[in-house]
Amino acid sequence: MKVVIIGGEKIAYFLAKSFSSKGYKTYLVNKDQKLCEDFARDLKAVVIHGDASKKKLLEQLDIEEDDIIVVLTNKDKENLIITQFAKKIFGVKNIVTLVNNPDNIELFEKLGITAVVSTTTMLQKAVENLLFGEELQQFLSVEEGKLTFLKIDIPENSKAVGKLLKDLNLPHECVVGGILRKGKVIIPHGNTEINAGDRLYIVSLPTAQEQILDILTGE
């Protein structure tokens, strides 16, 4: 099995460096001649200068079904052509591709690509998760003192773990506005199960804070 990395610059470099250091046979294909010269000088990998969207070049790589193809060009059209060549002509099952425009993610997934990665989407989600708490805090600061904004991390030994939100008997003077779980924001409902490690964002009256903490953390 070999790893074939097509396109990309720094990401391609560090991926190739990592795979080759672990003993994988690694190929780098890039249209930038200067970049290929740098790769060849610094990496223990087979470096090929050329356009992988051309079928002839892919044929030179002796691609087999169990190879891993990683496609990183900055043009989704090229990535689409390359992934389809790899899948349909060479029968490759393990294909990872970069999608620059998040609107194209669904198309790549429908075409059976193993893993579709959008850095735009990943960054967007990370920023949204950070903004989620900030926006709530800014909103609540208008009525500072009249409402309490709580961010509560659920410990593993919490009695709330494994229970549905509706079964926690939280006071009526509070609302669970969101749950941050493994980097994703969840808008909870009564049937949402509480997991260890969840971060709950709660709006409540100050008088209910002690009871909420006791139910969720035992403090």
N, C-alpha and C. Protein backbone atom coordinates (compact mmCIF):
# COMPACT_ATOMS: atom_id res chain seq x y z
N MET A 1 0.83 -1.19 0.00
CA MET A 1 0.00 0.00 0.00
C MET A 1 0.87 1.25 0.00
N LYS A 2 0.45 2.24 -0.77
CA LYS A 2 1.16 3.51 -0.78
C LYS A 2 0.19 4.67 -0.59
N VAL A 3 0.73 5.80 -0.16
CA VAL A 3 -0.05 7.02 0.02
C VAL A 3 0.34 7.99 -1.10
N VAL A 4 -0.65 8.42 -1.86
CA VAL A 4 -0.41 9.35 -2.97
C VAL A 4 -1.05 10.68 -2.61
N ILE A 5 -0.23 11.72 -2.49
CA ILE A 5 -0.71 13.05 -2.12
C ILE A 5 -0.62 13.95 -3.36
N ILE A 6 -1.75 14.46 -3.77
CA ILE A 6 -1.83 15.24 -5.01
C ILE A 6 -2.17 16.69 -4.70
N GLY A 7 -1.31 17.61 -5.18
CA GLY A 7 -1.55 19.03 -4.95
C GLY A 7 -1.17 19.43 -3.53
N GLY A 8 -1.50 20.69 -3.21
CA GLY A 8 -1.21 21.19 -1.87
C GLY A 8 0.23 21.69 -1.74
N GLU A 9 0.46 22.43 -0.69
CA GLU A 9 1.80 22.95 -0.41
C GLU A 9 2.24 22.50 0.99
N LYS A 10 2.01 23.32 1.99
CA LYS A 10 2.48 22.98 3.33
C LYS A 10 1.78 21.75 3.89
N ILE A 11 0.47 21.64 3.64
CA ILE A 11 -0.26 20.47 4.14
C ILE A 11 0.31 19.21 3.50
N ALA A 12 0.54 19.27 2.19
CA ALA A 12 1.11 18.11 1.48
C ALA A 12 2.48 17.77 2.04
N TYR A 13 3.28 18.79 2.30
CA TYR A 13 4.64 18.58 2.83
C TYR A 13 4.60 17.84 4.17
N PHE A 14 3.79 18.35 5.09
CA PHE A 14 3.78 17.76 6.43
C PHE A 14 3.10 16.39 6.46
N LEU A 15 2.12 16.18 5.61
CA LEU A 15 1.52 14.85 5.51
C LEU A 15 2.54 13.84 5.00
N ALA A 16 3.25 14.23 3.93
CA ALA A 16 4.25 13.33 3.36
C ALA A 16 5.36 13.04 4.37
N LYS A 17 5.77 14.06 5.08
CA LYS A 17 6.82 13.89 6.09
C LYS A 17 6.37 12.91 7.18
N SER A 18 5.12 13.03 7.60
CA SER A 18 4.59 12.16 8.64
C SER A 18 4.46 10.72 8.16
N PHE A 19 3.87 10.53 6.97
CA PHE A 19 3.66 9.18 6.46
C PHE A 19 4.98 8.46 6.16
N SER A 20 5.90 9.18 5.54
CA SER A 20 7.18 8.55 5.18
C SER A 20 7.98 8.19 6.43
N SER A 21 7.87 9.02 7.48
CA SER A 21 8.59 8.72 8.73
C SER A 21 8.04 7.48 9.42
N LYS A 22 6.80 7.13 9.10
CA LYS A 22 6.18 5.94 9.68
C LYS A 22 6.35 4.71 8.80
N GLY A 23 7.11 4.88 7.73
CA GLY A 23 7.43 3.73 6.89
C GLY A 23 6.51 3.50 5.71
N TYR A 24 5.56 4.41 5.48
CA TYR A 24 4.67 4.25 4.33
C TYR A 24 5.36 4.73 3.06
N LYS A 25 5.15 4.02 1.98
CA LYS A 25 5.65 4.45 0.68
C LYS A 25 4.81 5.63 0.23
N THR A 26 5.44 6.78 0.07
CA THR A 26 4.71 8.01 -0.15
C THR A 26 5.07 8.65 -1.49
N TYR A 27 4.03 9.06 -2.22
CA TYR A 27 4.20 9.75 -3.50
C TYR A 27 3.62 11.15 -3.38
N LEU A 28 4.30 12.11 -3.97
CA LEU A 28 3.80 13.48 -4.05
C LEU A 28 3.69 13.88 -5.51
N VAL A 29 2.53 14.40 -5.90
CA VAL A 29 2.33 14.85 -7.27
C VAL A 29 1.92 16.32 -7.23
N ASN A 30 2.63 17.16 -7.99
CA ASN A 30 2.32 18.58 -7.96
C ASN A 30 2.67 19.24 -9.29
N LYS A 31 1.87 20.23 -9.68
CA LYS A 31 2.11 20.93 -10.95
C LYS A 31 3.17 22.02 -10.83
N ASP A 32 3.52 22.37 -9.59
CA ASP A 32 4.51 23.43 -9.35
C ASP A 32 5.92 22.83 -9.33
N GLN A 33 6.70 23.15 -10.35
CA GLN A 33 8.03 22.54 -10.47
C GLN A 33 8.95 22.93 -9.32
N LYS A 34 8.92 24.20 -8.93
CA LYS A 34 9.78 24.66 -7.83
C LYS A 34 9.41 23.93 -6.53
N LEU A 35 8.14 23.76 -6.31
CA LEU A 35 7.68 23.06 -5.11
C LEU A 35 8.14 21.60 -5.15
N CYS A 36 8.08 21.00 -6.31
CA CYS A 36 8.53 19.61 -6.45
C CYS A 36 10.02 19.49 -6.13
N GLU A 37 10.79 20.46 -6.56
CA GLU A 37 12.24 20.45 -6.27
C GLU A 37 12.48 20.54 -4.77
N ASP A 38 11.69 21.39 -4.10
CA ASP A 38 11.82 21.52 -2.64
C ASP A 38 11.41 20.23 -1.93
N PHE A 39 10.33 19.63 -2.39
CA PHE A 39 9.87 18.37 -1.80
C PHE A 39 10.94 17.28 -1.96
N ALA A 40 11.49 17.19 -3.17
CA ALA A 40 12.47 16.14 -3.46
C ALA A 40 13.73 16.31 -2.61
N ARG A 41 14.07 17.55 -2.32
CA ARG A 41 15.27 17.81 -1.53
C ARG A 41 15.06 17.49 -0.05
N ASP A 42 13.86 17.76 0.45
CA ASP A 42 13.63 17.69 1.89
C ASP A 42 12.94 16.42 2.38
N LEU A 43 12.28 15.70 1.47
CA LEU A 43 11.45 14.58 1.91
C LEU A 43 11.93 13.23 1.38
N LYS A 44 11.64 12.20 2.15
CA LYS A 44 11.92 10.83 1.71
C LYS A 44 10.67 10.29 1.02
N ALA A 45 10.39 10.84 -0.14
CA ALA A 45 9.18 10.46 -0.87
C ALA A 45 9.47 10.53 -2.36
N VAL A 46 8.65 9.83 -3.15
CA VAL A 46 8.76 9.90 -4.60
C VAL A 46 7.99 11.14 -5.05
N VAL A 47 8.69 12.06 -5.69
CA VAL A 47 8.07 13.33 -6.09
C VAL A 47 7.93 13.36 -7.61
N ILE A 48 6.72 13.67 -8.06
CA ILE A 48 6.45 13.69 -9.50
C ILE A 48 5.87 15.04 -9.89
N HIS A 49 6.50 15.68 -10.88
CA HIS A 49 6.01 16.95 -11.39
C HIS A 49 5.04 16.68 -12.52
N GLY A 50 3.78 17.15 -12.36
CA GLY A 50 2.81 16.92 -13.42
C GLY A 50 1.39 17.20 -12.96
N ASP A 51 0.46 17.05 -13.88
CA ASP A 51 -0.95 17.33 -13.65
C ASP A 51 -1.71 16.03 -13.43
N ALA A 52 -2.15 15.81 -12.20
CA ALA A 52 -2.82 14.54 -11.86
C ALA A 52 -4.25 14.46 -12.39
N SER A 53 -4.75 15.57 -12.94
CA SER A 53 -6.08 15.50 -13.55
C SER A 53 -6.01 14.88 -14.95
N LYS A 54 -4.79 14.55 -15.38
CA LYS A 54 -4.59 13.86 -16.66
C LYS A 54 -4.42 12.37 -16.37
N LYS A 55 -5.21 11.58 -17.03
CA LYS A 55 -5.23 10.14 -16.79
C LYS A 55 -3.86 9.49 -16.97
N LYS A 56 -3.08 9.97 -17.95
CA LYS A 56 -1.78 9.37 -18.24
C LYS A 56 -0.84 9.46 -17.05
N LEU A 57 -0.90 10.58 -16.34
CA LEU A 57 0.00 10.72 -15.19
C LEU A 57 -0.38 9.73 -14.10
N LEU A 58 -1.66 9.59 -13.84
CA LEU A 58 -2.10 8.65 -12.81
C LEU A 58 -1.70 7.22 -13.15
N GLU A 59 -1.71 6.90 -14.42
CA GLU A 59 -1.31 5.55 -14.85
C GLU A 59 0.14 5.27 -14.52
N GLN A 60 0.98 6.30 -14.51
CA GLN A 60 2.40 6.13 -14.21
C GLN A 60 2.64 5.75 -12.75
N LEU A 61 1.65 6.01 -11.90
CA LEU A 61 1.83 5.78 -10.47
C LEU A 61 1.54 4.33 -10.05
N ASP A 62 1.07 3.51 -11.00
CA ASP A 62 0.71 2.12 -10.67
C ASP A 62 -0.22 2.05 -9.47
N ILE A 63 -1.27 2.85 -9.53
CA ILE A 63 -2.23 2.92 -8.43
C ILE A 63 -2.98 1.60 -8.28
N GLU A 64 -3.11 1.14 -7.04
CA GLU A 64 -3.82 -0.09 -6.74
C GLU A 64 -5.01 0.20 -5.82
N GLU A 65 -5.91 -0.77 -5.71
CA GLU A 65 -7.15 -0.58 -4.97
C GLU A 65 -6.93 -0.20 -3.51
N ASP A 66 -5.91 -0.77 -2.87
CA ASP A 66 -5.73 -0.53 -1.44
C ASP A 66 -4.85 0.68 -1.14
N ASP A 67 -4.47 1.43 -2.17
CA ASP A 67 -3.71 2.67 -1.95
C ASP A 67 -4.62 3.73 -1.33
N ILE A 68 -4.00 4.72 -0.73
CA ILE A 68 -4.74 5.86 -0.19
C ILE A 68 -4.41 7.09 -1.03
N ILE A 69 -5.43 7.73 -1.55
CA ILE A 69 -5.26 8.92 -2.38
C ILE A 69 -5.73 10.14 -1.59
N VAL A 70 -4.86 11.14 -1.49
CA VAL A 70 -5.20 12.39 -0.80
C VAL A 70 -5.10 13.52 -1.82
N VAL A 71 -6.22 14.20 -2.07
CA VAL A 71 -6.26 15.23 -3.12
C VAL A 71 -6.42 16.60 -2.48
N LEU A 72 -5.46 17.50 -2.75
CA LEU A 72 -5.39 18.78 -2.03
C LEU A 72 -5.29 20.00 -2.94
N THR A 73 -5.66 19.92 -4.21
CA THR A 73 -5.52 21.09 -5.07
C THR A 73 -6.50 22.18 -4.62
N ASN A 74 -6.26 23.41 -5.05
CA ASN A 74 -7.13 24.52 -4.64
C ASN A 74 -8.29 24.74 -5.59
N LYS A 75 -8.54 23.78 -6.48
CA LYS A 75 -9.66 23.88 -7.41
C LYS A 75 -10.54 22.64 -7.26
N ASP A 76 -11.77 22.84 -6.85
CA ASP A 76 -12.68 21.71 -6.63
C ASP A 76 -12.93 20.91 -7.90
N LYS A 77 -12.94 21.59 -9.05
CA LYS A 77 -13.17 20.89 -10.32
C LYS A 77 -12.06 19.87 -10.56
N GLU A 78 -10.81 20.27 -10.31
CA GLU A 78 -9.68 19.35 -10.47
C GLU A 78 -9.78 18.21 -9.47
N ASN A 79 -10.13 18.54 -8.23
CA ASN A 79 -10.25 17.51 -7.20
C ASN A 79 -11.32 16.49 -7.58
N LEU A 80 -12.40 16.99 -8.17
CA LEU A 80 -13.49 16.10 -8.59
C LEU A 80 -13.02 15.15 -9.69
N ILE A 81 -12.30 15.69 -10.68
CA ILE A 81 -11.80 14.87 -11.79
C ILE A 81 -10.85 13.79 -11.28
N ILE A 82 -9.92 14.20 -10.42
CA ILE A 82 -8.90 13.27 -9.91
C ILE A 82 -9.54 12.17 -9.06
N THR A 83 -10.45 12.55 -8.18
CA THR A 83 -11.07 11.55 -7.32
C THR A 83 -11.90 10.55 -8.14
N GLN A 84 -12.55 11.03 -9.19
CA GLN A 84 -13.36 10.13 -10.01
C GLN A 84 -12.49 9.19 -10.85
N PHE A 85 -11.36 9.71 -11.35
CA PHE A 85 -10.40 8.84 -12.04
C PHE A 85 -9.93 7.73 -11.09
N ALA A 86 -9.53 8.13 -9.89
CA ALA A 86 -9.00 7.18 -8.92
C ALA A 86 -10.04 6.13 -8.55
N LYS A 87 -11.28 6.57 -8.39
CA LYS A 87 -12.34 5.66 -7.95
C LYS A 87 -12.82 4.74 -9.07
N LYS A 88 -13.13 5.33 -10.23
CA LYS A 88 -13.79 4.57 -11.29
C LYS A 88 -12.82 3.80 -12.19
N ILE A 89 -11.64 4.38 -12.45
CA ILE A 89 -10.69 3.74 -13.37
C ILE A 89 -9.75 2.80 -12.63
N PHE A 90 -9.29 3.23 -11.45
CA PHE A 90 -8.31 2.43 -10.72
C PHE A 90 -8.92 1.67 -9.54
N GLY A 91 -10.20 1.92 -9.25
CA GLY A 91 -10.89 1.17 -8.21
C GLY A 91 -10.44 1.48 -6.80
N VAL A 92 -9.84 2.65 -6.59
CA VAL A 92 -9.35 3.00 -5.25
C VAL A 92 -10.54 3.23 -4.31
N LYS A 93 -10.47 2.64 -3.14
CA LYS A 93 -11.56 2.74 -2.17
C LYS A 93 -11.33 3.85 -1.15
N ASN A 94 -10.08 4.11 -0.83
CA ASN A 94 -9.76 5.07 0.23
C ASN A 94 -9.29 6.39 -0.37
N ILE A 95 -10.20 7.33 -0.48
CA ILE A 95 -9.89 8.63 -1.08
C ILE A 95 -10.28 9.74 -0.11
N VAL A 96 -9.34 10.63 0.13
CA VAL A 96 -9.59 11.81 0.96
C VAL A 96 -9.38 13.04 0.07
N THR A 97 -10.36 13.94 0.08
CA THR A 97 -10.20 15.12 -0.77
C THR A 97 -10.53 16.40 -0.02
N LEU A 98 -9.83 17.45 -0.38
CA LEU A 98 -10.11 18.78 0.13
C LEU A 98 -11.20 19.40 -0.74
N VAL A 99 -12.19 20.00 -0.10
CA VAL A 99 -13.21 20.75 -0.82
C VAL A 99 -13.11 22.21 -0.40
N ASN A 100 -12.78 23.07 -1.35
CA ASN A 100 -12.56 24.48 -1.03
C ASN A 100 -13.87 25.24 -0.82
N ASN A 101 -14.87 24.91 -1.61
CA ASN A 101 -16.19 25.55 -1.48
C ASN A 101 -17.12 24.61 -0.72
N PRO A 102 -17.55 24.99 0.50
CA PRO A 102 -18.41 24.10 1.29
C PRO A 102 -19.68 23.68 0.56
N ASP A 103 -20.14 24.48 -0.40
CA ASP A 103 -21.35 24.13 -1.15
C ASP A 103 -21.17 22.86 -1.98
N ASN A 104 -19.91 22.45 -2.20
CA ASN A 104 -19.64 21.26 -3.02
C ASN A 104 -19.50 19.98 -2.21
N ILE A 105 -19.57 20.09 -0.89
CA ILE A 105 -19.38 18.91 -0.03
C ILE A 105 -20.37 17.81 -0.37
N GLU A 106 -21.64 18.17 -0.49
CA GLU A 106 -22.68 17.18 -0.75
C GLU A 106 -22.42 16.43 -2.06
N LEU A 107 -21.97 17.14 -3.08
CA LEU A 107 -21.69 16.52 -4.38
C LEU A 107 -20.62 15.45 -4.24
N PHE A 108 -19.52 15.77 -3.58
CA PHE A 108 -18.43 14.81 -3.40
C PHE A 108 -18.90 13.59 -2.59
N GLU A 109 -19.70 13.84 -1.57
CA GLU A 109 -20.19 12.73 -0.75
C GLU A 109 -21.12 11.82 -1.55
N LYS A 110 -21.96 12.41 -2.39
CA LYS A 110 -22.86 11.60 -3.21
C LYS A 110 -22.09 10.73 -4.20
N LEU A 111 -20.91 11.19 -4.60
CA LEU A 111 -20.10 10.45 -5.55
C LEU A 111 -19.26 9.36 -4.87
N GLY A 112 -19.45 9.21 -3.56
CA GLY A 112 -18.83 8.09 -2.85
C GLY A 112 -17.41 8.30 -2.39
N ILE A 113 -16.99 9.56 -2.24
CA ILE A 113 -15.64 9.83 -1.74
C ILE A 113 -15.58 9.48 -0.25
N THR A 114 -14.54 8.76 0.15
CA THR A 114 -14.44 8.25 1.51
C THR A 114 -14.49 9.35 2.56
N ALA A 115 -13.68 10.39 2.38
CA ALA A 115 -13.62 11.49 3.36
C ALA A 115 -13.52 12.81 2.62
N VAL A 116 -14.44 13.71 2.92
CA VAL A 116 -14.47 15.03 2.30
C VAL A 116 -14.16 16.05 3.38
N VAL A 117 -13.10 16.85 3.18
CA VAL A 117 -12.64 17.79 4.19
C VAL A 117 -12.77 19.21 3.68
N SER A 118 -13.43 20.06 4.46
CA SER A 118 -13.55 21.47 4.12
C SER A 118 -12.97 22.29 5.27
N THR A 119 -11.82 22.91 5.03
CA THR A 119 -11.21 23.73 6.08
C THR A 119 -12.10 24.94 6.40
N THR A 120 -12.80 25.44 5.40
CA THR A 120 -13.71 26.57 5.62
C THR A 120 -14.78 26.19 6.64
N THR A 121 -15.38 25.01 6.45
CA THR A 121 -16.44 24.57 7.36
C THR A 121 -15.90 24.31 8.76
N MET A 122 -14.72 23.71 8.85
CA MET A 122 -14.14 23.42 10.16
C MET A 122 -13.85 24.71 10.93
N LEU A 123 -13.27 25.70 10.23
CA LEU A 123 -12.98 26.99 10.86
C LEU A 123 -14.26 27.71 11.25
N GLN A 124 -15.25 27.64 10.39
CA GLN A 124 -16.53 28.28 10.67
C GLN A 124 -17.15 27.72 11.94
N LYS A 125 -17.14 26.38 12.08
CA LYS A 125 -17.73 25.75 13.26
C LYS A 125 -16.97 26.14 14.53
N ALA A 126 -15.64 26.19 14.40
CA ALA A 126 -14.83 26.54 15.57
C ALA A 126 -15.14 27.96 16.04
N VAL A 127 -15.25 28.89 15.08
CA VAL A 127 -15.55 30.28 15.42
C VAL A 127 -16.96 30.41 15.98
N GLU A 128 -17.93 29.69 15.37
CA GLU A 128 -19.31 29.75 15.85
C GLU A 128 -19.41 29.25 17.29
N ASN A 129 -18.65 28.21 17.61
CA ASN A 129 -18.67 27.68 18.97
C ASN A 129 -18.16 28.70 19.98
N LEU A 130 -17.12 29.45 19.56
CA LEU A 130 -16.58 30.49 20.43
C LEU A 130 -17.56 31.65 20.58
N LEU A 131 -18.20 32.01 19.46
CA LEU A 131 -19.12 33.14 19.47
C LEU A 131 -20.40 32.83 20.25
N PHE A 132 -20.75 31.55 20.30
CA PHE A 132 -22.01 31.14 20.95
C PHE A 132 -22.07 31.68 22.38
N GLY A 133 -21.01 31.40 23.13
CA GLY A 133 -20.97 31.87 24.51
C GLY A 133 -20.84 33.37 24.62
N GLU A 134 -20.01 33.97 23.74
CA GLU A 134 -19.78 35.41 23.78
C GLU A 134 -21.08 36.18 23.51
N GLU A 135 -21.85 35.74 22.52
CA GLU A 135 -23.08 36.44 22.17
C GLU A 135 -24.10 36.37 23.30
N LEU A 136 -24.18 35.20 23.95
CA LEU A 136 -25.10 35.08 25.08
C LEU A 136 -24.69 36.00 26.23
N GLN A 137 -23.38 36.06 26.48
CA GLN A 137 -22.90 36.91 27.56
C GLN A 137 -23.19 38.38 27.28
N GLN A 138 -23.00 38.80 26.02
CA GLN A 138 -23.27 40.19 25.65
C GLN A 138 -24.76 40.50 25.79
N PHE A 139 -25.59 39.55 25.40
CA PHE A 139 -27.03 39.74 25.50
C PHE A 139 -27.47 39.88 26.96
N LEU A 140 -26.93 39.02 27.79
CA LEU A 140 -27.35 39.01 29.18
C LEU A 140 -26.81 40.19 29.97
N SER A 141 -25.71 40.77 29.50
CA SER A 141 -25.12 41.89 30.23
C SER A 141 -26.05 43.10 30.26
N VAL A 142 -27.02 43.15 29.36
CA VAL A 142 -27.98 44.25 29.32
C VAL A 142 -28.81 44.26 30.60
N GLU A 143 -29.12 43.07 31.08
CA GLU A 143 -29.92 42.95 32.30
C GLU A 143 -29.07 42.37 33.42
N GLU A 144 -27.83 42.84 33.49
CA GLU A 144 -26.90 42.29 34.48
C GLU A 144 -27.48 42.39 35.89
N GLY A 145 -27.40 41.32 36.61
CA GLY A 145 -27.92 41.28 37.96
C GLY A 145 -29.30 40.67 38.05
N LYS A 146 -30.06 40.75 36.95
CA LYS A 146 -31.42 40.19 36.96
C LYS A 146 -31.43 38.76 36.44
N LEU A 147 -30.42 38.41 35.63
CA LEU A 147 -30.30 37.06 35.09
C LEU A 147 -28.90 36.54 35.34
N THR A 148 -28.77 35.24 35.43
CA THR A 148 -27.46 34.60 35.58
C THR A 148 -27.18 33.74 34.36
N PHE A 149 -25.99 33.89 33.82
CA PHE A 149 -25.57 33.06 32.68
C PHE A 149 -24.57 32.04 33.20
N LEU A 150 -24.92 30.75 33.10
CA LEU A 150 -24.08 29.69 33.63
C LEU A 150 -23.48 28.86 32.51
N LYS A 151 -22.21 28.55 32.61
CA LYS A 151 -21.55 27.57 31.75
C LYS A 151 -21.11 26.43 32.66
N ILE A 152 -21.76 25.29 32.55
CA ILE A 152 -21.52 24.18 33.48
C ILE A 152 -20.99 22.97 32.73
N ASP A 153 -19.81 22.50 33.11
CA ASP A 153 -19.24 21.28 32.54
C ASP A 153 -19.71 20.09 33.36
N ILE A 154 -20.24 19.07 32.67
CA ILE A 154 -20.79 17.90 33.35
C ILE A 154 -19.67 16.90 33.65
N PRO A 155 -19.38 16.64 34.94
CA PRO A 155 -18.32 15.68 35.28
C PRO A 155 -18.80 14.25 35.08
N GLU A 156 -17.85 13.33 35.00
CA GLU A 156 -18.19 11.92 34.76
C GLU A 156 -19.04 11.34 35.89
N ASN A 157 -18.85 11.83 37.11
CA ASN A 157 -19.57 11.27 38.25
C ASN A 157 -20.89 11.98 38.53
N SER A 158 -21.32 12.85 37.62
CA SER A 158 -22.56 13.58 37.82
C SER A 158 -23.75 12.63 37.72
N LYS A 159 -24.73 12.82 38.58
CA LYS A 159 -25.95 12.02 38.55
C LYS A 159 -26.79 12.32 37.31
N ALA A 160 -26.46 13.42 36.63
CA ALA A 160 -27.22 13.81 35.44
C ALA A 160 -26.82 13.00 34.21
N VAL A 161 -25.63 12.39 34.24
CA VAL A 161 -25.12 11.65 33.08
C VAL A 161 -26.05 10.50 32.74
N GLY A 162 -26.44 10.43 31.48
CA GLY A 162 -27.31 9.35 31.03
C GLY A 162 -28.79 9.66 31.16
N LYS A 163 -29.12 10.78 31.78
CA LYS A 163 -30.52 11.15 31.94
C LYS A 163 -30.97 12.09 30.83
N LEU A 164 -32.27 12.08 30.57
CA LEU A 164 -32.84 13.03 29.62
C LEU A 164 -33.01 14.38 30.32
N LEU A 165 -32.90 15.43 29.54
CA LEU A 165 -33.00 16.78 30.10
C LEU A 165 -34.32 16.98 30.86
N LYS A 166 -35.39 16.43 30.31
CA LYS A 166 -36.71 16.61 30.93
C LYS A 166 -36.84 15.89 32.28
N ASP A 167 -35.93 14.93 32.53
CA ASP A 167 -36.00 14.15 33.77
C ASP A 167 -35.08 14.67 34.87
N LEU A 168 -34.42 15.80 34.63
CA LEU A 168 -33.46 16.31 35.61
C LEU A 168 -34.10 17.12 36.73
N ASN A 169 -35.36 17.47 36.54
CA ASN A 169 -36.07 18.29 37.54
C ASN A 169 -35.36 19.61 37.81
N LEU A 170 -34.88 20.22 36.76
CA LEU A 170 -34.29 21.55 36.89
C LEU A 170 -35.38 22.55 37.26
N PRO A 171 -35.02 23.60 38.00
CA PRO A 171 -36.04 24.59 38.40
C PRO A 171 -36.66 25.29 37.19
N HIS A 172 -37.91 25.72 37.37
CA HIS A 172 -38.62 26.39 36.28
C HIS A 172 -37.99 27.74 35.94
N GLU A 173 -37.19 28.27 36.85
CA GLU A 173 -36.58 29.59 36.65
C GLU A 173 -35.30 29.53 35.83
N CYS A 174 -35.16 28.49 34.98
CA CYS A 174 -33.95 28.39 34.15
C CYS A 174 -34.30 27.80 32.78
N VAL A 175 -33.45 28.11 31.82
CA VAL A 175 -33.59 27.56 30.46
C VAL A 175 -32.21 27.10 30.00
N VAL A 176 -32.13 25.85 29.54
CA VAL A 176 -30.88 25.35 28.95
C VAL A 176 -30.90 25.75 27.48
N GLY A 177 -30.06 26.75 27.14
CA GLY A 177 -30.08 27.31 25.79
C GLY A 177 -29.27 26.54 24.78
N GLY A 178 -28.25 25.81 25.25
CA GLY A 178 -27.40 25.07 24.31
C GLY A 178 -26.46 24.13 25.04
N ILE A 179 -25.96 23.16 24.31
CA ILE A 179 -24.98 22.21 24.84
C ILE A 179 -23.82 22.14 23.86
N LEU A 180 -22.62 22.32 24.38
CA LEU A 180 -21.41 22.15 23.57
C LEU A 180 -20.88 20.76 23.82
N ARG A 181 -20.89 19.91 22.77
CA ARG A 181 -20.50 18.51 22.92
C ARG A 181 -19.48 18.15 21.84
N LYS A 182 -18.26 17.86 22.27
CA LYS A 182 -17.19 17.46 21.35
C LYS A 182 -17.05 18.44 20.18
N GLY A 183 -17.08 19.73 20.49
CA GLY A 183 -16.86 20.75 19.47
C GLY A 183 -18.09 21.14 18.68
N LYS A 184 -19.23 20.51 18.97
CA LYS A 184 -20.46 20.83 18.23
C LYS A 184 -21.50 21.42 19.18
N VAL A 185 -22.22 22.42 18.67
CA VAL A 185 -23.28 23.04 19.46
C VAL A 185 -24.59 22.32 19.19
N ILE A 186 -25.27 21.93 20.27
CA ILE A 186 -26.57 21.25 20.18
C ILE A 186 -27.63 22.14 20.82
N ILE A 187 -28.73 22.35 20.12
CA ILE A 187 -29.87 23.02 20.73
C ILE A 187 -30.72 21.93 21.38
N PRO A 188 -30.77 21.89 22.70
CA PRO A 188 -31.38 20.73 23.39
C PRO A 188 -32.90 20.79 23.43
N HIS A 189 -33.48 19.61 23.59
CA HIS A 189 -34.91 19.45 23.81
C HIS A 189 -35.09 18.55 25.02
N GLY A 190 -36.32 18.30 25.38
CA GLY A 190 -36.58 17.50 26.56
C GLY A 190 -35.99 16.11 26.49
N ASN A 191 -35.92 15.53 25.27
CA ASN A 191 -35.41 14.17 25.10
C ASN A 191 -33.90 14.12 24.84
N THR A 192 -33.21 15.25 24.99
CA THR A 192 -31.76 15.27 24.82
C THR A 192 -31.08 14.61 26.03
N GLU A 193 -30.24 13.62 25.76
CA GLU A 193 -29.54 12.92 26.85
C GLU A 193 -28.28 13.69 27.23
N ILE A 194 -28.02 13.77 28.52
CA ILE A 194 -26.84 14.46 29.03
C ILE A 194 -25.66 13.49 29.09
N ASN A 195 -24.52 13.92 28.52
CA ASN A 195 -23.32 13.10 28.51
C ASN A 195 -22.24 13.73 29.39
N ALA A 196 -21.36 12.89 29.91
CA ALA A 196 -20.19 13.40 30.62
C ALA A 196 -19.35 14.22 29.65
N GLY A 197 -18.86 15.36 30.12
CA GLY A 197 -18.06 16.22 29.26
C GLY A 197 -18.86 17.29 28.54
N ASP A 198 -20.20 17.18 28.58
CA ASP A 198 -21.04 18.23 27.98
C ASP A 198 -20.81 19.55 28.70
N ARG A 199 -20.88 20.63 27.96
CA ARG A 199 -20.91 21.96 28.57
C ARG A 199 -22.28 22.56 28.33
N LEU A 200 -23.01 22.82 29.39
CA LEU A 200 -24.36 23.36 29.29
C LEU A 200 -24.34 24.88 29.47
N TYR A 201 -25.05 25.57 28.58
CA TYR A 201 -25.22 27.01 28.67
C TYR A 201 -26.64 27.27 29.18
N ILE A 202 -26.73 27.88 30.36
CA ILE A 202 -28.02 28.01 31.03
C ILE A 202 -28.28 29.46 31.41
N VAL A 203 -29.50 29.92 31.15
CA VAL A 203 -29.95 31.22 31.60
C VAL A 203 -30.92 30.99 32.76
N SER A 204 -30.68 31.68 33.87
CA SER A 204 -31.54 31.45 35.03
C SER A 204 -31.66 32.71 35.87
N LEU A 205 -32.61 32.67 36.78
CA LEU A 205 -32.66 33.70 37.81
C LEU A 205 -31.56 33.40 38.83
N PRO A 206 -30.97 34.43 39.42
CA PRO A 206 -29.88 34.20 40.39
C PRO A 206 -30.29 33.27 41.53
N THR A 207 -31.55 33.29 41.92
CA THR A 207 -32.00 32.47 43.05
C THR A 207 -31.99 30.98 42.74
N ALA A 208 -31.95 30.61 41.43
CA ALA A 208 -31.99 29.19 41.06
C ALA A 208 -30.60 28.59 40.86
N GLN A 209 -29.56 29.42 40.91
CA GLN A 209 -28.21 28.97 40.57
C GLN A 209 -27.74 27.81 41.44
N GLU A 210 -27.94 27.90 42.73
CA GLU A 210 -27.45 26.86 43.64
C GLU A 210 -28.11 25.51 43.38
N GLN A 211 -29.41 25.53 43.11
CA GLN A 211 -30.14 24.29 42.85
C GLN A 211 -29.68 23.66 41.53
N ILE A 212 -29.43 24.49 40.52
CA ILE A 212 -28.96 23.99 39.21
C ILE A 212 -27.62 23.30 39.36
N LEU A 213 -26.69 23.95 40.07
CA LEU A 213 -25.35 23.38 40.27
C LEU A 213 -25.43 22.05 41.02
N ASP A 214 -26.32 21.99 42.00
CA ASP A 214 -26.46 20.76 42.78
C ASP A 214 -26.97 19.61 41.91
N ILE A 215 -27.93 19.88 41.04
CA ILE A 215 -28.49 18.83 40.18
C ILE A 215 -27.49 18.35 39.16
N LEU A 216 -26.73 19.27 38.57
CA LEU A 216 -25.84 18.92 37.46
C LEU A 216 -24.44 18.47 37.87
N THR A 217 -23.96 18.99 38.98
CA THR A 217 -22.58 18.66 39.38
C THR A 217 -22.48 18.09 40.79
N GLY A 218 -23.53 18.25 41.58
CA GLY A 218 -23.48 17.76 42.96
C GLY A 218 -22.77 18.71 43.88
N GLU A 219 -22.46 19.93 43.39
CA GLU A 219 -21.74 20.89 44.25
C GLU A 219 -22.72 21.67 45.14
